[in-house]
C-alpha atoms as a PDB file:
ATOM      1  CA  MET A   1       0.004  -0.017  -0.052  1.00  0.00           C
ATOM      2  CA  LYS A   2       2.880   2.329   0.780  1.00  0.00           C
ATOM      3  CA  ALA A   3       4.369   1.907  -2.657  1.00  0.00           C
ATOM      4  CA  LEU A   4       0.967   2.688  -4.236  1.00  0.00           C
ATOM      5  CA  MET A   5       0.456   5.846  -2.131  1.00  0.00           C
ATOM      6  CA  ASP A   6       4.011   6.928  -2.997  1.00  0.00           C
ATOM      7  CA  PHE A   7       3.422   6.372  -6.730  1.00  0.00           C
ATOM      8  CA  THR A   8       0.053   8.422  -6.658  1.00  0.00           C
ATOM      9  CA  SER A   9       1.196  11.262  -4.318  1.00  0.00           C
ATOM     10  CA  LYS A  10       1.985  13.586  -7.183  1.00  0.00           C
ATOM     11  CA  LEU A  11      -1.360  13.052  -8.784  1.00  0.00           C
ATOM     12  CA  PHE A  12      -3.263  13.711  -5.497  1.00  0.00           C
ATOM     13  CA  GLY A  13      -1.201  16.882  -4.909  1.00  0.00           C
ATOM     14  CA  LYS A  14      -2.700  18.223  -8.140  1.00  0.00           C
ATOM     15  CA  LEU A  15      -6.218  16.923  -8.133  1.00  0.00           C
ATOM     16  CA  GLU A  16      -9.083  19.367  -8.056  1.00  0.00           C
ATOM     17  CA  LEU A  17     -12.851  18.630  -8.347  1.00  0.00           C
ATOM     18  CA  LYS A  18     -14.795  21.247 -10.046  1.00  0.00           C
ATOM     19  CA  LEU A  19     -18.650  21.371  -9.829  1.00  0.00           C
ATOM     20  CA  PRO A  20     -21.192  23.204 -12.104  1.00  0.00           C
ATOM     21  CA  GLU A  21     -22.542  26.298 -10.613  1.00  0.00           C
ATOM     22  CA  SER A  22     -25.554  28.116 -12.050  1.00  0.00           C
ATOM     23  CA  GLY A  23     -24.950  31.841 -12.587  1.00  0.00           C
ATOM     24  CA  SER A  24     -21.179  31.600 -13.103  1.00  0.00           C
ATOM     25  CA  SER A  25     -19.559  32.868 -16.411  1.00  0.00           C
ATOM     26  CA  ASN A  26     -18.223  29.545 -17.372  1.00  0.00           C
ATOM     27  CA  GLY A  27     -20.668  27.320 -15.322  1.00  0.00           C
ATOM     28  CA  ILE A  28     -17.887  25.576 -13.415  1.00  0.00           C
ATOM     29  CA  THR A  29     -16.590  26.311  -9.919  1.00  0.00           C
ATOM     30  CA  THR A  30     -14.286  24.906  -7.389  1.00  0.00           C
ATOM     31  CA  PRO A  31     -16.130  23.768  -4.181  1.00  0.00           C
ATOM     32  CA  SER A  32     -15.667  26.127  -1.199  1.00  0.00           C
ATOM     33  CA  SER A  33     -15.414  23.049   1.196  1.00  0.00           C
ATOM     34  CA  PRO A  34     -11.731  22.711   2.220  1.00  0.00           C
ATOM     35  CA  ALA A  35     -12.046  18.898   2.082  1.00  0.00           C
ATOM     36  CA  ALA A  36     -13.513  18.851  -1.294  1.00  0.00           C
ATOM     37  CA  ALA A  37     -10.927  21.501  -2.660  1.00  0.00           C
ATOM     38  CA  GLN A  38      -7.953  19.736  -1.168  1.00  0.00           C
ATOM     39  CA  PRO A  39      -7.867  15.957  -1.701  1.00  0.00           C
ATOM     40  CA  GLY A  40      -3.947  16.292  -1.616  1.00  0.00           C
ATOM     41  CA  ALA A  41      -4.007  17.333   2.058  1.00  0.00           C
ATOM     42  CA  ILE A  42      -6.334  14.427   3.020  1.00  0.00           C
ATOM     43  CA  PHE A  43      -4.122  12.017   1.026  1.00  0.00           C
ATOM     44  CA  ASP A  44      -1.009  13.243   2.858  1.00  0.00           C
ATOM     45  CA  GLN A  45      -2.770  12.609   6.212  1.00  0.00           C
ATOM     46  CA  LEU A  46      -3.690   9.184   5.098  1.00  0.00           C
ATOM     47  CA  ARG A  47       0.005   8.415   4.134  1.00  0.00           C
ATOM     48  CA  GLN A  48       0.984   9.139   7.758  1.00  0.00           C
ATOM     49  CA  CYS A  49      -1.203   6.346   9.167  1.00  0.00           C
ATOM     50  CA  VAL A  50      -1.398   3.814   6.290  1.00  0.00           C
ATOM     51  CA  PHE A  51       0.157   1.267   8.609  1.00  0.00           C
ATOM     52  CA  ILE A  52      -3.253   0.976  10.224  1.00  0.00           C
ATOM     53  CA  ARG A  53      -4.733  -0.429   7.144  1.00  0.00           C
ATOM     54  CA  ASN A  54      -2.061  -3.038   6.933  1.00  0.00           C
ATOM     55  CA  GLU A  55      -1.735  -3.986  10.548  1.00  0.00           C
ATOM     56  CA  VAL A  56      -5.378  -4.038  11.540  1.00  0.00           C
ATOM     57  CA  GLY A  57      -7.279  -4.505   8.221  1.00  0.00           C
ATOM     58  CA  ALA A  58      -5.499  -6.032   5.339  1.00  0.00           C
ATOM     59  CA  HIS A  59      -2.861  -8.156   7.218  1.00  0.00           C
ATOM     60  CA  HIS A  60      -4.428  -8.735  10.708  1.00  0.00           C
ATOM     61  CA  ASN A  61      -1.481  -9.504  13.159  1.00  0.00           C
ATOM     62  CA  VAL A  62      -0.500  -9.130  16.760  1.00  0.00           C
ATOM     63  CA  GLN A  63       0.792  -5.713  16.377  1.00  0.00           C
ATOM     64  CA  GLY A  64      -2.472  -4.498  15.073  1.00  0.00           C
ATOM     65  CA  MET A  65      -4.013  -5.291  18.449  1.00  0.00           C
ATOM     66  CA  ALA A  66      -2.048  -2.372  19.892  1.00  0.00           C
ATOM     67  CA  VAL A  67      -3.714   0.224  17.582  1.00  0.00           C
ATOM     68  CA  SER A  68      -6.554   1.983  19.271  1.00  0.00           C
ATOM     69  CA  ASP A  69     -10.113   1.929  18.236  1.00  0.00           C
ATOM     70  CA  SER A  70     -10.057   5.718  17.961  1.00  0.00           C
ATOM     71  CA  ASP A  71      -7.033   5.558  15.653  1.00  0.00           C
ATOM     72  CA  VAL A  72      -8.755   2.900  13.510  1.00  0.00           C
ATOM     73  CA  GLN A  73     -12.018   5.123  13.327  1.00  0.00           C
ATOM     74  CA  ALA A  74      -9.787   8.251  12.341  1.00  0.00           C
ATOM     75  CA  PHE A  75      -8.145   6.432   9.524  1.00  0.00           C
ATOM     76  CA  GLY A  76     -11.591   5.156   8.314  1.00  0.00           C
ATOM     77  CA  ASN A  77     -12.832   8.790   8.425  1.00  0.00           C
ATOM     78  CA  LEU A  78      -9.886  10.054   6.444  1.00  0.00           C
ATOM     79  CA  VAL A  79     -10.656   7.398   3.649  1.00  0.00           C
ATOM     80  CA  ILE A  80     -14.336   8.616   3.628  1.00  0.00           C
ATOM     81  CA  ARG A  81     -13.272  12.259   3.435  1.00  0.00           C
ATOM     82  CA  LEU A  82     -10.833  11.447   0.626  1.00  0.00           C
ATOM     83  CA  VAL A  83     -13.519   9.794  -1.419  1.00  0.00           C
ATOM     84  CA  GLU A  84     -15.935  12.518  -0.776  1.00  0.00           C
ATOM     85  CA  SER A  85     -13.356  15.145  -1.889  1.00  0.00           C
ATOM     86  CA  VAL A  86     -13.026  13.525  -5.389  1.00  0.00           C
ATOM     87  CA  SER A  87     -16.669  12.339  -5.839  1.00  0.00           C
ATOM     88  CA  CYS A  88     -19.755  14.131  -7.411  1.00  0.00           C
ATOM     89  CA  PRO A  89     -22.089  15.336  -4.658  1.00  0.00           C
ATOM     90  CA  THR A  90     -25.069  14.602  -7.049  1.00  0.00           C
ATOM     91  CA  CYS A  91     -24.437  11.106  -8.302  1.00  0.00           C
ATOM     92  CA  ARG A  92     -21.808  10.107  -5.755  1.00  0.00           C
ATOM     93  CA  GLN A  93     -19.482   8.754  -8.439  1.00  0.00           C
ATOM     94  CA  ILE A  94     -15.716   9.369  -8.841  1.00  0.00           C
ATOM     95  CA  PRO A  95     -15.523  10.981 -12.191  1.00  0.00           C
ATOM     96  CA  SER A  96     -14.233   8.291 -14.657  1.00  0.00           C
ATOM     97  CA  THR A  97     -15.333   9.450 -18.055  1.00  0.00           C
ATOM     98  CA  ARG A  98     -12.366  10.911 -19.881  1.00  0.00           C
ATOM     99  CA  GLU A  99     -12.435  14.135 -21.631  1.00  0.00           C
ATOM    100  CA  ASP A 100      -9.395  15.997 -23.052  1.00  0.00           C
ATOM    101  CA  THR A 101      -7.969  17.353 -19.912  1.00  0.00           C
ATOM    102  CA  TYR A 102     -10.207  16.050 -17.040  1.00  0.00           C
ATOM    103  CA  PHE A 103     -12.577  13.259 -16.047  1.00  0.00           C
ATOM    104  CA  ARG A 104     -16.407  13.783 -15.494  1.00  0.00           C
ATOM    105  CA  CYS A 105     -19.020  11.885 -13.774  1.00  0.00           C
ATOM    106  CA  SER A 106     -22.024  10.309 -15.442  1.00  0.00           C
ATOM    107  CA  CYS A 107     -24.336  13.322 -14.820  1.00  0.00           C
ATOM    108  CA  ARG A 108     -25.440  15.267 -17.807  1.00  0.00           C
ATOM    109  CA  PRO A 109     -22.312  17.081 -19.168  1.00  0.00           C
ATOM    110  CA  ARG A 110     -23.437  20.496 -18.318  1.00  0.00           C
ATOM    111  CA  SER A 111     -24.116  19.404 -14.685  1.00  0.00           C
ATOM    112  CA  ALA A 112     -21.202  16.852 -14.387  1.00  0.00           C
ATOM    113  CA  ALA A 113     -18.566  17.151 -11.750  1.00  0.00           C
ATOM    114  CA  GLN A 114     -15.152  17.554 -13.322  1.00  0.00           C
ATOM    115  CA  LEU A 115     -11.931  16.028 -11.918  1.00  0.00           C
ATOM    116  CA  TRP A 116      -8.821  17.857 -13.102  1.00  0.00           C
ATOM    117  CA  PRO A 117      -6.207  17.044 -14.364  1.00  0.00           C
ATOM    118  CA  ALA A 118      -6.553  13.825 -16.287  1.00  0.00           C
ATOM    119  CA  SER A 119      -2.927  13.144 -16.253  1.00  0.00           C
ATOM    120  CA  VAL A 120       0.276  14.529 -14.564  1.00  0.00           C
END
């Protein structure tokens, strides 16, 4: 898991979810919620406690019994926040339909959430 997180850290540092907004000049806005606007910050927090996933969840072992329930719950909450920060609030999907420079969710194109950039 650590190797995967190291590999994707550059991408998460640049990810930005843009949502449609009625009344704006281009119809797209960046959410005002700090969690939604900064998936990279949440990702960095997760990297600090990825051992919880390994020792408690994926590879249960004796050392995992020393991890407190509150630490496990905090880790789970970070995972939820990360998913919410890159998901469309309408259809709840992580945008996966590729456009030229971004991904969009399955909502109608003018109301679809956009996840920028499509590549790093």
